[in-house]
Amino acid sequence: EAKMVAVGGDTFDKAIKRILSVIMTDELAGKCTWIIRKPDKTKISNYNFPNVISIYITKKYSTTDELVKKRIQLWLQKYGDRIKLKQEQARRDEEQRQREYEQEQLLNRQG
């Protein structure tokens, strides 16, 4: 619980996202499922950590176990969107670094 408190979040939704992001990568989330068993995925609804998260969140944010678990399910489902977003951000960052490098090289030649 102390680790979840440290992660923070001003709403239960944000807190769940932050907690899950700390304990699970998006790549791992892609290998998990909530209820349905699939050959290449791990069913996590029977694991203890979703219950621990739910107990903490329902206590702190006065919400229901059902809402917390639905939010965990949604977070698992959206792993692909998060991966794409991170890849796009990395591409933009690399383009920015390249532009800055080229500008620096140009200034060095002029200077």
PDB file of N, CA and C in Angstrom:
ATOM      1  N   GLU A   1       0.824  -1.199   0.000  1.00  0.00           N
ATOM      2  CA  GLU A   1       0.000   0.000   0.000  1.00  0.00           C
ATOM      3  C   GLU A   1       0.866   1.260   0.000  1.00  0.00           C
ATOM      4  N   ALA A   2       1.975   1.241   0.724  1.00  0.00           N
ATOM      5  CA  ALA A   2       2.850   2.418   0.779  1.00  0.00           C
ATOM      6  C   ALA A   2       3.363   2.779  -0.609  1.00  0.00           C
ATOM      7  N   LYS A   3       3.652   1.774  -1.418  1.00  0.00           N
ATOM      8  CA  LYS A   3       4.133   2.046  -2.776  1.00  0.00           C
ATOM      9  C   LYS A   3       3.028   2.662  -3.624  1.00  0.00           C
ATOM     10  N   MET A   4       1.788   2.224  -3.420  1.00  0.00           N
ATOM     11  CA  MET A   4       0.679   2.798  -4.181  1.00  0.00           C
ATOM     12  C   MET A   4       0.438   4.242  -3.766  1.00  0.00           C
ATOM     13  N   VAL A   5       0.583   4.532  -2.498  1.00  0.00           N
ATOM     14  CA  VAL A   5       0.430   5.907  -2.013  1.00  0.00           C
ATOM     15  C   VAL A   5       1.477   6.793  -2.663  1.00  0.00           C
ATOM     16  N   ALA A   6       2.699   6.282  -2.777  1.00  0.00           N
ATOM     17  CA  ALA A   6       3.793   7.063  -3.365  1.00  0.00           C
ATOM     18  C   ALA A   6       3.544   7.380  -4.833  1.00  0.00           C
ATOM     19  N   VAL A   7       2.838   6.500  -5.534  1.00  0.00           N
ATOM     20  CA  VAL A   7       2.551   6.716  -6.958  1.00  0.00           C
ATOM     21  C   VAL A   7       1.566   7.861  -7.131  1.00  0.00           C
ATOM     22  N   GLY A   8       0.578   7.937  -6.265  1.00  0.00           N
ATOM     23  CA  GLY A   8      -0.345   9.068  -6.264  1.00  0.00           C
ATOM     24  C   GLY A   8      -1.370   9.037  -7.376  1.00  0.00           C
ATOM     25  N   GLY A   9      -2.016  10.191  -7.565  1.00  0.00           N
ATOM     26  CA  GLY A   9      -3.087  10.344  -8.534  1.00  0.00           C
ATOM     27  C   GLY A   9      -4.246  11.061  -7.878  1.00  0.00           C
ATOM     28  N   ASP A  10      -4.752  12.115  -8.515  1.00  0.00           N
ATOM     29  CA  ASP A  10      -5.814  12.893  -7.878  1.00  0.00           C
ATOM     30  C   ASP A  10      -7.212  12.342  -8.144  1.00  0.00           C
ATOM     31  N   THR A  11      -7.321  11.342  -9.016  1.00  0.00           N
ATOM     32  CA  THR A  11      -8.586  10.639  -9.221  1.00  0.00           C
ATOM     33  C   THR A  11      -8.295   9.144  -9.200  1.00  0.00           C
ATOM     34  N   PHE A  12      -9.332   8.343  -8.996  1.00  0.00           N
ATOM     35  CA  PHE A  12      -9.097   6.899  -8.967  1.00  0.00           C
ATOM     36  C   PHE A  12      -8.610   6.402 -10.324  1.00  0.00           C
ATOM     37  N   ASP A  13      -9.094   7.012 -11.393  1.00  0.00           N
ATOM     38  CA  ASP A  13      -8.688   6.616 -12.736  1.00  0.00           C
ATOM     39  C   ASP A  13      -7.190   6.852 -12.951  1.00  0.00           C
ATOM     40  N   LYS A  14      -6.730   8.041 -12.588  1.00  0.00           N
ATOM     41  CA  LYS A  14      -5.305   8.362 -12.737  1.00  0.00           C
ATOM     42  C   LYS A  14      -4.447   7.489 -11.830  1.00  0.00           C
ATOM     43  N   ALA A  15      -4.923   7.245 -10.622  1.00  0.00           N
ATOM     44  CA  ALA A  15      -4.161   6.412  -9.687  1.00  0.00           C
ATOM     45  C   ALA A  15      -4.005   4.994 -10.228  1.00  0.00           C
ATOM     46  N   ILE A  16      -5.069   4.440 -10.782  1.00  0.00           N
ATOM     47  CA  ILE A  16      -4.998   3.089 -11.339  1.00  0.00           C
ATOM     48  C   ILE A  16      -4.003   3.050 -12.488  1.00  0.00           C
ATOM     49  N   LYS A  17      -4.083   4.020 -13.390  1.00  0.00           N
ATOM     50  CA  LYS A  17      -3.144   4.065 -14.518  1.00  0.00           C
ATOM     51  C   LYS A  17      -1.704   4.131 -14.031  1.00  0.00           C
ATOM     52  N   ARG A  18      -1.459   4.976 -13.050  1.00  0.00           N
ATOM     53  CA  ARG A  18      -0.088   5.132 -12.541  1.00  0.00           C
ATOM     54  C   ARG A  18       0.397   3.871 -11.848  1.00  0.00           C
ATOM     55  N   ILE A  19      -0.446   3.276 -11.037  1.00  0.00           N
ATOM     56  CA  ILE A  19      -0.060   2.053 -10.327  1.00  0.00           C
ATOM     57  C   ILE A  19       0.258   0.948 -11.331  1.00  0.00           C
ATOM     58  N   LEU A  20      -0.629   0.752 -12.293  1.00  0.00           N
ATOM     59  CA  LEU A  20      -0.402  -0.305 -13.277  1.00  0.00           C
ATOM     60  C   LEU A  20       0.849  -0.038 -14.105  1.00  0.00           C
ATOM     61  N   SER A  21       1.097   1.223 -14.432  1.00  0.00           N
ATOM     62  CA  SER A  21       2.291   1.568 -15.210  1.00  0.00           C
ATOM     63  C   SER A  21       3.574   1.278 -14.441  1.00  0.00           C
ATOM     64  N   VAL A  22       3.504   1.355 -13.123  1.00  0.00           N
ATOM     65  CA  VAL A  22       4.681   1.070 -12.301  1.00  0.00           C
ATOM     66  C   VAL A  22       4.931  -0.434 -12.202  1.00  0.00           C
ATOM     67  N   ILE A  23       3.864  -1.217 -12.096  1.00  0.00           N
ATOM     68  CA  ILE A  23       4.056  -2.651 -11.869  1.00  0.00           C
ATOM     69  C   ILE A  23       4.076  -3.484 -13.144  1.00  0.00           C
ATOM     70  N   MET A  24       3.679  -2.893 -14.278  1.00  0.00           N
ATOM     71  CA  MET A  24       3.559  -3.682 -15.496  1.00  0.00           C
ATOM     72  C   MET A  24       3.898  -2.835 -16.719  1.00  0.00           C
ATOM     73  N   THR A  25       4.761  -3.352 -17.582  1.00  0.00           N
ATOM     74  CA  THR A  25       5.052  -2.649 -18.831  1.00  0.00           C
ATOM     75  C   THR A  25       3.898  -2.845 -19.800  1.00  0.00           C
ATOM     76  N   ASP A  26       3.845  -2.012 -20.822  1.00  0.00           N
ATOM     77  CA  ASP A  26       2.806  -2.170 -21.844  1.00  0.00           C
ATOM     78  C   ASP A  26       2.989  -3.480 -22.602  1.00  0.00           C
ATOM     79  N   GLU A  27       4.236  -3.870 -22.799  1.00  0.00           N
ATOM     80  CA  GLU A  27       4.502  -5.132 -23.487  1.00  0.00           C
ATOM     81  C   GLU A  27       3.969  -6.317 -22.676  1.00  0.00           C
ATOM     82  N   LEU A  28       4.150  -6.270 -21.366  1.00  0.00           N
ATOM     83  CA  LEU A  28       3.607  -7.322 -20.509  1.00  0.00           C
ATOM     84  C   LEU A  28       2.082  -7.270 -20.506  1.00  0.00           C
ATOM     85  N   ALA A  29       1.515  -6.078 -20.471  1.00  0.00           N
ATOM     86  CA  ALA A  29       0.053  -5.936 -20.506  1.00  0.00           C
ATOM     87  C   ALA A  29      -0.518  -6.588 -21.762  1.00  0.00           C
ATOM     88  N   GLY A  30       0.227  -6.512 -22.862  1.00  0.00           N
ATOM     89  CA  GLY A  30      -0.220  -7.137 -24.104  1.00  0.00           C
ATOM     90  C   GLY A  30      -0.262  -8.653 -24.035  1.00  0.00           C
ATOM     91  N   LYS A  31       0.421  -9.216 -23.065  1.00  0.00           N
ATOM     92  CA  LYS A  31       0.447 -10.673 -22.900  1.00  0.00           C
ATOM     93  C   LYS A  31      -0.545 -11.141 -21.842  1.00  0.00           C
ATOM     94  N   CYS A  32      -1.373 -10.208 -21.363  1.00  0.00           N
ATOM     95  CA  CYS A  32      -2.329 -10.526 -20.300  1.00  0.00           C
ATOM     96  C   CYS A  32      -3.754 -10.324 -20.781  1.00  0.00           C
ATOM     97  N   THR A  33      -4.644 -11.023 -20.146  1.00  0.00           N
ATOM     98  CA  THR A  33      -6.070 -10.862 -20.375  1.00  0.00           C
ATOM     99  C   THR A  33      -6.760 -10.887 -19.015  1.00  0.00           C
ATOM    100  N   TRP A  34      -7.956 -10.343 -18.939  1.00  0.00           N
ATOM    101  CA  TRP A  34      -8.632 -10.284 -17.647  1.00  0.00           C
ATOM    102  C   TRP A  34      -9.340 -11.596 -17.329  1.00  0.00           C
ATOM    103  N   ILE A  35     -10.208 -12.043 -18.213  1.00  0.00           N
ATOM    104  CA  ILE A  35     -11.018 -13.230 -17.929  1.00  0.00           C
ATOM    105  C   ILE A  35     -10.776 -14.353 -18.935  1.00  0.00           C
ATOM    106  N   ILE A  36     -10.797 -14.015 -20.197  1.00  0.00           N
ATOM    107  CA  ILE A  36     -10.747 -15.025 -21.252  1.00  0.00           C
ATOM    108  C   ILE A  36      -9.356 -15.646 -21.330  1.00  0.00           C
ATOM    109  N   ARG A  37      -9.323 -16.953 -21.307  1.00  0.00           N
ATOM    110  CA  ARG A  37      -8.049 -17.653 -21.471  1.00  0.00           C
ATOM    111  C   ARG A  37      -7.740 -17.765 -22.949  1.00  0.00           C
ATOM    112  N   LYS A  38      -6.537 -17.371 -23.289  1.00  0.00           N
ATOM    113  CA  LYS A  38      -6.053 -17.510 -24.655  1.00  0.00           C
ATOM    114  C   LYS A  38      -4.698 -18.188 -24.563  1.00  0.00           C
ATOM    115  N   PRO A  39      -4.336 -18.947 -25.584  1.00  0.00           N
ATOM    116  CA  PRO A  39      -3.077 -19.705 -25.507  1.00  0.00           C
ATOM    117  C   PRO A  39      -1.845 -18.833 -25.276  1.00  0.00           C
ATOM    118  N   ASP A  40      -1.831 -17.646 -25.829  1.00  0.00           N
ATOM    119  CA  ASP A  40      -0.641 -16.799 -25.746  1.00  0.00           C
ATOM    120  C   ASP A  40      -0.761 -15.696 -24.689  1.00  0.00           C
ATOM    121  N   LYS A  41      -1.803 -15.768 -23.845  1.00  0.00           N
ATOM    122  CA  LYS A  41      -2.022 -14.714 -22.845  1.00  0.00           C
ATOM    123  C   LYS A  41      -2.216 -15.319 -21.458  1.00  0.00           C
ATOM    124  N   THR A  42      -1.878 -14.517 -20.452  1.00  0.00           N
ATOM    125  CA  THR A  42      -2.037 -14.919 -19.058  1.00  0.00           C
ATOM    126  C   THR A  42      -3.284 -14.256 -18.487  1.00  0.00           C
ATOM    127  N   LYS A  43      -4.150 -15.054 -17.902  1.00  0.00           N
ATOM    128  CA  LYS A  43      -5.366 -14.540 -17.263  1.00  0.00           C
ATOM    129  C   LYS A  43      -4.980 -13.987 -15.891  1.00  0.00           C
ATOM    130  N   ILE A  44      -5.216 -12.684 -15.662  1.00  0.00           N
ATOM    131  CA  ILE A  44      -4.754 -12.078 -14.408  1.00  0.00           C
ATOM    132  C   ILE A  44      -5.856 -11.814 -13.385  1.00  0.00           C
ATOM    133  N   SER A  45      -7.103 -12.053 -13.733  1.00  0.00           N
ATOM    134  CA  SER A  45      -8.182 -11.753 -12.778  1.00  0.00           C
ATOM    135  C   SER A  45      -8.089 -12.608 -11.517  1.00  0.00           C
ATOM    136  N   ASN A  46      -7.432 -13.748 -11.597  1.00  0.00           N
ATOM    137  CA  ASN A  46      -7.291 -14.610 -10.422  1.00  0.00           C
ATOM    138  C   ASN A  46      -6.040 -14.307  -9.601  1.00  0.00           C
ATOM    139  N   TYR A  47      -5.185 -13.421 -10.095  1.00  0.00           N
ATOM    140  CA  TYR A  47      -3.985 -13.051  -9.344  1.00  0.00           C
ATOM    141  C   TYR A  47      -4.369 -12.121  -8.197  1.00  0.00           C
ATOM    142  N   ASN A  48      -3.493 -11.987  -7.244  1.00  0.00           N
ATOM    143  CA  ASN A  48      -3.775 -11.188  -6.058  1.00  0.00           C
ATOM    144  C   ASN A  48      -3.650  -9.683  -6.301  1.00  0.00           C
ATOM    145  N   PHE A  49      -2.734  -9.257  -7.179  1.00  0.00           N
ATOM    146  CA  PHE A  49      -2.473  -7.814  -7.288  1.00  0.00           C
ATOM    147  C   PHE A  49      -3.675  -6.985  -7.732  1.00  0.00           C
ATOM    148  N   PRO A  50      -4.566  -7.468  -8.619  1.00  0.00           N
ATOM    149  CA  PRO A  50      -5.744  -6.638  -8.919  1.00  0.00           C
ATOM    150  C   PRO A  50      -6.618  -6.404  -7.679  1.00  0.00           C
ATOM    151  N   ASN A  51      -6.713  -7.418  -6.817  1.00  0.00           N
ATOM    152  CA  ASN A  51      -7.497  -7.254  -5.589  1.00  0.00           C
ATOM    153  C   ASN A  51      -6.840  -6.270  -4.633  1.00  0.00           C
ATOM    154  N   VAL A  52      -5.519  -6.320  -4.533  1.00  0.00           N
ATOM    155  CA  VAL A  52      -4.801  -5.382  -3.668  1.00  0.00           C
ATOM    156  C   VAL A  52      -5.017  -3.951  -4.164  1.00  0.00           C
ATOM    157  N   ILE A  53      -4.902  -3.767  -5.475  1.00  0.00           N
ATOM    158  CA  ILE A  53      -5.135  -2.442  -6.062  1.00  0.00           C
ATOM    159  C   ILE A  53      -6.566  -1.990  -5.775  1.00  0.00           C
ATOM    160  N   SER A  54      -7.517  -2.889  -5.983  1.00  0.00           N
ATOM    161  CA  SER A  54      -8.922  -2.541  -5.787  1.00  0.00           C
ATOM    162  C   SER A  54      -9.218  -2.156  -4.340  1.00  0.00           C
ATOM    163  N   ILE A  55      -8.686  -2.897  -3.399  1.00  0.00           N
ATOM    164  CA  ILE A  55      -8.915  -2.577  -1.985  1.00  0.00           C
ATOM    165  C   ILE A  55      -8.384  -1.180  -1.670  1.00  0.00           C
ATOM    166  N   TYR A  56      -7.180  -0.891  -2.132  1.00  0.00           N
ATOM    167  CA  TYR A  56      -6.576   0.420  -1.878  1.00  0.00           C
ATOM    168  C   TYR A  56      -7.394   1.542  -2.529  1.00  0.00           C
ATOM    169  N   ILE A  57      -7.729   1.370  -3.814  1.00  0.00           N
ATOM    170  CA  ILE A  57      -8.433   2.423  -4.562  1.00  0.00           C
ATOM    171  C   ILE A  57      -9.842   2.645  -4.008  1.00  0.00           C
ATOM    172  N   THR A  58     -10.574   1.571  -3.720  1.00  0.00           N
ATOM    173  CA  THR A  58     -11.942   1.751  -3.210  1.00  0.00           C
ATOM    174  C   THR A  58     -11.938   2.459  -1.864  1.00  0.00           C
ATOM    175  N   LYS A  59     -10.937   2.174  -1.048  1.00  0.00           N
ATOM    176  CA  LYS A  59     -10.831   2.849   0.251  1.00  0.00           C
ATOM    177  C   LYS A  59     -10.484   4.323   0.079  1.00  0.00           C
ATOM    178  N   LYS A  60      -9.480   4.596  -0.719  1.00  0.00           N
ATOM    179  CA  LYS A  60      -8.974   5.963  -0.840  1.00  0.00           C
ATOM    180  C   LYS A  60      -9.926   6.876  -1.614  1.00  0.00           C
ATOM    181  N   TYR A  61     -10.560   6.367  -2.661  1.00  0.00           N
ATOM    182  CA  TYR A  61     -11.353   7.222  -3.554  1.00  0.00           C
ATOM    183  C   TYR A  61     -12.860   6.985  -3.446  1.00  0.00           C
ATOM    184  N   SER A  62     -13.299   6.197  -2.499  1.00  0.00           N
ATOM    185  CA  SER A  62     -14.730   5.926  -2.292  1.00  0.00           C
ATOM    186  C   SER A  62     -15.420   5.522  -3.587  1.00  0.00           C
ATOM    187  N   THR A  63     -14.851   4.554  -4.253  1.00  0.00           N
ATOM    188  CA  THR A  63     -15.447   4.020  -5.471  1.00  0.00           C
ATOM    189  C   THR A  63     -15.732   2.538  -5.251  1.00  0.00           C
ATOM    190  N   THR A  64     -16.210   1.869  -6.279  1.00  0.00           N
ATOM    191  CA  THR A  64     -16.581   0.464  -6.120  1.00  0.00           C
ATOM    192  C   THR A  64     -15.525  -0.461  -6.715  1.00  0.00           C
ATOM    193  N   ASP A  65     -15.523  -1.675  -6.206  1.00  0.00           N
ATOM    194  CA  ASP A  65     -14.632  -2.717  -6.713  1.00  0.00           C
ATOM    195  C   ASP A  65     -14.886  -2.947  -8.202  1.00  0.00           C
ATOM    196  N   GLU A  66     -16.144  -2.929  -8.589  1.00  0.00           N
ATOM    197  CA  GLU A  66     -16.510  -3.153  -9.990  1.00  0.00           C
ATOM    198  C   GLU A  66     -15.901  -2.087 -10.904  1.00  0.00           C
ATOM    199  N   LEU A  67     -15.993  -0.828 -10.515  1.00  0.00           N
ATOM    200  CA  LEU A  67     -15.415   0.249 -11.329  1.00  0.00           C
ATOM    201  C   LEU A  67     -13.898   0.129 -11.427  1.00  0.00           C
ATOM    202  N   VAL A  68     -13.263  -0.216 -10.325  1.00  0.00           N
ATOM    203  CA  VAL A  68     -11.805  -0.364 -10.331  1.00  0.00           C
ATOM    204  C   VAL A  68     -11.400  -1.486 -11.280  1.00  0.00           C
ATOM    205  N   LYS A  69     -12.064  -2.606 -11.188  1.00  0.00           N
ATOM    206  CA  LYS A  69     -11.694  -3.748 -12.033  1.00  0.00           C
ATOM    207  C   LYS A  69     -11.995  -3.473 -13.508  1.00  0.00           C
ATOM    208  N   LYS A  70     -13.068  -2.737 -13.789  1.00  0.00           N
ATOM    209  CA  LYS A  70     -13.333  -2.350 -15.180  1.00  0.00           C
ATOM    210  C   LYS A  70     -12.230  -1.443 -15.705  1.00  0.00           C
ATOM    211  N   ARG A  71     -11.734  -0.556 -14.847  1.00  0.00           N
ATOM    212  CA  ARG A  71     -10.655   0.353 -15.265  1.00  0.00           C
ATOM    213  C   ARG A  71      -9.361  -0.413 -15.499  1.00  0.00           C
ATOM    214  N   ILE A  72      -9.091  -1.421 -14.681  1.00  0.00           N
ATOM    215  CA  ILE A  72      -7.917  -2.273 -14.893  1.00  0.00           C
ATOM    216  C   ILE A  72      -8.048  -3.001 -16.230  1.00  0.00           C
ATOM    217  N   GLN A  73      -9.237  -3.531 -16.509  1.00  0.00           N
ATOM    218  CA  GLN A  73      -9.477  -4.218 -17.782  1.00  0.00           C
ATOM    219  C   GLN A  73      -9.239  -3.283 -18.960  1.00  0.00           C
ATOM    220  N   LEU A  74      -9.754  -2.065 -18.866  1.00  0.00           N
ATOM    221  CA  LEU A  74      -9.583  -1.090 -19.944  1.00  0.00           C
ATOM    222  C   LEU A  74      -8.106  -0.771 -20.141  1.00  0.00           C
ATOM    223  N   TRP A  75      -7.375  -0.603 -19.049  1.00  0.00           N
ATOM    224  CA  TRP A  75      -5.939  -0.316 -19.143  1.00  0.00           C
ATOM    225  C   TRP A  75      -5.228  -1.453 -19.872  1.00  0.00           C
ATOM    226  N   LEU A  76      -5.596  -2.688 -19.554  1.00  0.00           N
ATOM    227  CA  LEU A  76      -4.992  -3.835 -20.242  1.00  0.00           C
ATOM    228  C   LEU A  76      -5.310  -3.807 -21.736  1.00  0.00           C
ATOM    229  N   GLN A  77      -6.543  -3.484 -22.079  1.00  0.00           N
ATOM    230  CA  GLN A  77      -6.965  -3.474 -23.481  1.00  0.00           C
ATOM    231  C   GLN A  77      -6.262  -2.399 -24.293  1.00  0.00           C
ATOM    232  N   LYS A  78      -5.891  -1.302 -23.671  1.00  0.00           N
ATOM    233  CA  LYS A  78      -5.318  -0.156 -24.385  1.00  0.00           C
ATOM    234  C   LYS A  78      -3.794  -0.215 -24.509  1.00  0.00           C
ATOM    235  N   TYR A  79      -3.191  -1.361 -24.223  1.00  0.00           N
ATOM    236  CA  TYR A  79      -1.727  -1.445 -24.268  1.00  0.00           C
ATOM    237  C   TYR A  79      -1.184  -1.067 -25.640  1.00  0.00           C
ATOM    238  N   GLY A  80      -1.847  -1.480 -26.698  1.00  0.00           N
ATOM    239  CA  GLY A  80      -1.381  -1.187 -28.055  1.00  0.00           C
ATOM    240  C   GLY A  80      -1.355   0.307 -28.347  1.00  0.00           C
ATOM    241  N   ASP A  81      -2.373   1.018 -27.886  1.00  0.00           N
ATOM    242  CA  ASP A  81      -2.411   2.475 -28.071  1.00  0.00           C
ATOM    243  C   ASP A  81      -1.251   3.149 -27.347  1.00  0.00           C
ATOM    244  N   ARG A  82      -0.956   2.669 -26.132  1.00  0.00           N
ATOM    245  CA  ARG A  82       0.156   3.266 -25.376  1.00  0.00           C
ATOM    246  C   ARG A  82       1.495   2.993 -26.056  1.00  0.00           C
ATOM    247  N   ILE A  83       1.665   1.798 -26.584  1.00  0.00           N
ATOM    248  CA  ILE A  83       2.911   1.465 -27.282  1.00  0.00           C
ATOM    249  C   ILE A  83       3.070   2.347 -28.513  1.00  0.00           C
ATOM    250  N   LYS A  84       2.012   2.492 -29.297  1.00  0.00           N
ATOM    251  CA  LYS A  84       2.074   3.346 -30.492  1.00  0.00           C
ATOM    252  C   LYS A  84       2.393   4.791 -30.122  1.00  0.00           C
ATOM    253  N   LEU A  85       1.770   5.279 -29.066  1.00  0.00           N
ATOM    254  CA  LEU A  85       2.015   6.650 -28.613  1.00  0.00           C
ATOM    255  C   LEU A  85       3.478   6.838 -28.209  1.00  0.00           C
ATOM    256  N   LYS A  86       4.033   5.885 -27.484  1.00  0.00           N
ATOM    257  CA  LYS A  86       5.439   5.968 -27.078  1.00  0.00           C
ATOM    258  C   LYS A  86       6.369   5.902 -28.285  1.00  0.00           C
ATOM    259  N   GLN A  87       6.036   5.057 -29.258  1.00  0.00           N
ATOM    260  CA  GLN A  87       6.859   4.971 -30.466  1.00  0.00           C
ATOM    261  C   GLN A  87       6.816   6.281 -31.244  1.00  0.00           C
ATOM    262  N   GLU A  88       5.647   6.872 -31.342  1.00  0.00           N
ATOM    263  CA  GLU A  88       5.503   8.147 -32.046  1.00  0.00           C
ATOM    264  C   GLU A  88       6.278   9.248 -31.328  1.00  0.00           C
ATOM    265  N   GLN A  89       6.206   9.267 -30.006  1.00  0.00           N
ATOM    266  CA  GLN A  89       6.952  10.262 -29.234  1.00  0.00           C
ATOM    267  C   GLN A  89       8.453  10.065 -29.410  1.00  0.00           C
ATOM    268  N   ALA A  90       8.907   8.826 -29.423  1.00  0.00           N
ATOM    269  CA  ALA A  90      10.334   8.545 -29.619  1.00  0.00           C
ATOM    270  C   ALA A  90      10.777   9.002 -31.003  1.00  0.00           C
ATOM    271  N   ARG A  91       9.924   8.793 -32.016  1.00  0.00           N
ATOM    272  CA  ARG A  91      10.247   9.236 -33.373  1.00  0.00           C
ATOM    273  C   ARG A  91      10.357  10.757 -33.429  1.00  0.00           C
ATOM    274  N   ARG A  92       9.409  11.462 -32.804  1.00  0.00           N
ATOM    275  CA  ARG A  92       9.454  12.928 -32.782  1.00  0.00           C
ATOM    276  C   ARG A  92      10.684  13.434 -32.032  1.00  0.00           C
ATOM    277  N   ASP A  93      11.007  12.781 -30.923  1.00  0.00           N
ATOM    278  CA  ASP A  93      12.196  13.177 -30.159  1.00  0.00           C
ATOM    279  C   ASP A  93      13.458  12.994 -30.991  1.00  0.00           C
ATOM    280  N   GLU A  94      13.537  11.893 -31.716  1.00  0.00           N
ATOM    281  CA  GLU A  94      14.712  11.640 -32.563  1.00  0.00           C
ATOM    282  C   GLU A  94      14.802  12.673 -33.682  1.00  0.00           C
ATOM    283  N   GLU A  95      13.676  13.020 -34.282  1.00  0.00           N
ATOM    284  CA  GLU A  95      13.676  14.051 -35.323  1.00  0.00           C
ATOM    285  C   GLU A  95      14.141  15.390 -34.755  1.00  0.00           C
ATOM    286  N   GLN A  96      13.699  15.717 -33.551  1.00  0.00           N
ATOM    287  CA  GLN A  96      14.113  16.964 -32.905  1.00  0.00           C
ATOM    288  C   GLN A  96      15.612  16.955 -32.628  1.00  0.00           C
ATOM    289  N   ARG A  97      16.122  15.835 -32.124  1.00  0.00           N
ATOM    290  CA  ARG A  97      17.566  15.732 -31.875  1.00  0.00           C
ATOM    291  C   ARG A  97      18.354  15.896 -33.165  1.00  0.00           C
ATOM    292  N   GLN A  98      17.855  15.311 -34.250  1.00  0.00           N
ATOM    293  CA  GLN A  98      18.530  15.414 -35.544  1.00  0.00           C
ATOM    294  C   GLN A  98      18.545  16.863 -36.033  1.00  0.00           C
ATOM    295  N   ARG A  99      17.413  17.567 -35.892  1.00  0.00           N
ATOM    296  CA  ARG A  99      17.368  18.977 -36.296  1.00  0.00           C
ATOM    297  C   ARG A  99      18.348  19.810 -35.479  1.00  0.00           C
ATOM    298  N   GLU A 100      18.378  19.578 -34.183  1.00  0.00           N
ATOM    299  CA  GLU A 100      19.301  20.322 -33.320  1.00  0.00           C
ATOM    300  C   GLU A 100      20.754  20.038 -33.685  1.00  0.00           C
ATOM    301  N   TYR A 101      21.054  18.792 -33.995  1.00  0.00           N
ATOM    302  CA  TYR A 101      22.415  18.421 -34.395  1.00  0.00           C
ATOM    303  C   TYR A 101      22.797  19.124 -35.694  1.00  0.00           C
ATOM    304  N   GLU A 102      21.878  19.115 -36.659  1.00  0.00           N
ATOM    305  CA  GLU A 102      22.151  19.764 -37.945  1.00  0.00           C
ATOM    306  C   GLU A 102      22.343  21.270 -37.768  1.00  0.00           C
ATOM    307  N   GLN A 103      21.545  21.898 -36.917  1.00  0.00           N
ATOM    308  CA  GLN A 103      21.708  23.334 -36.654  1.00  0.00           C
ATOM    309  C   GLN A 103      23.053  23.613 -35.991  1.00  0.00           C
ATOM    310  N   GLU A 104      23.450  22.762 -35.077  1.00  0.00           N
ATOM    311  CA  GLU A 104      24.739  22.929 -34.406  1.00  0.00           C
ATOM    312  C   GLU A 104      25.886  22.785 -35.402  1.00  0.00           C
ATOM    313  N   GLN A 105      25.773  21.827 -36.302  1.00  0.00           N
ATOM    314  CA  GLN A 105      26.812  21.631 -37.315  1.00  0.00           C
ATOM    315  C   GLN A 105      26.900  22.843 -38.235  1.00  0.00           C
ATOM    316  N   LEU A 106      25.767  23.386 -38.608  1.00  0.00           N
ATOM    317  CA  LEU A 106      25.733  24.565 -39.470  1.00  0.00           C
ATOM    318  C   LEU A 106      26.376  25.764 -38.768  1.00  0.00           C
ATOM    319  N   LEU A 107      26.054  25.964 -37.501  1.00  0.00           N
ATOM    320  CA  LEU A 107      26.644  27.066 -36.735  1.00  0.00           C
ATOM    321  C   LEU A 107      28.155  26.889 -36.584  1.00  0.00           C
ATOM    322  N   ASN A 108      28.601  25.675 -36.385  1.00  0.00           N
ATOM    323  CA  ASN A 108      30.038  25.411 -36.255  1.00  0.00           C
ATOM    324  C   ASN A 108      30.782  25.726 -37.554  1.00  0.00           C
ATOM    325  N   ARG A 109      30.157  25.441 -38.689  1.00  0.00           N
ATOM    326  CA  ARG A 109      30.788  25.733 -39.985  1.00  0.00           C
ATOM    327  C   ARG A 109      30.846  27.234 -40.247  1.00  0.00           C
ATOM    328  N   GLN A 110      29.835  27.940 -39.770  1.00  0.00           N
ATOM    329  CA  GLN A 110      29.780  29.386 -39.992  1.00  0.00           C
ATOM    330  C   GLN A 110      30.683  30.134 -39.021  1.00  0.00           C
ATOM    331  N   GLY A 111      30.949  29.516 -37.927  1.00  0.00           N
ATOM    332  CA  GLY A 111      31.531  30.222 -36.902  1.00  0.00           C
ATOM    333  C   GLY A 111      32.837  30.360 -36.443  1.00  0.00           C
TER     334      GLY A 111
END
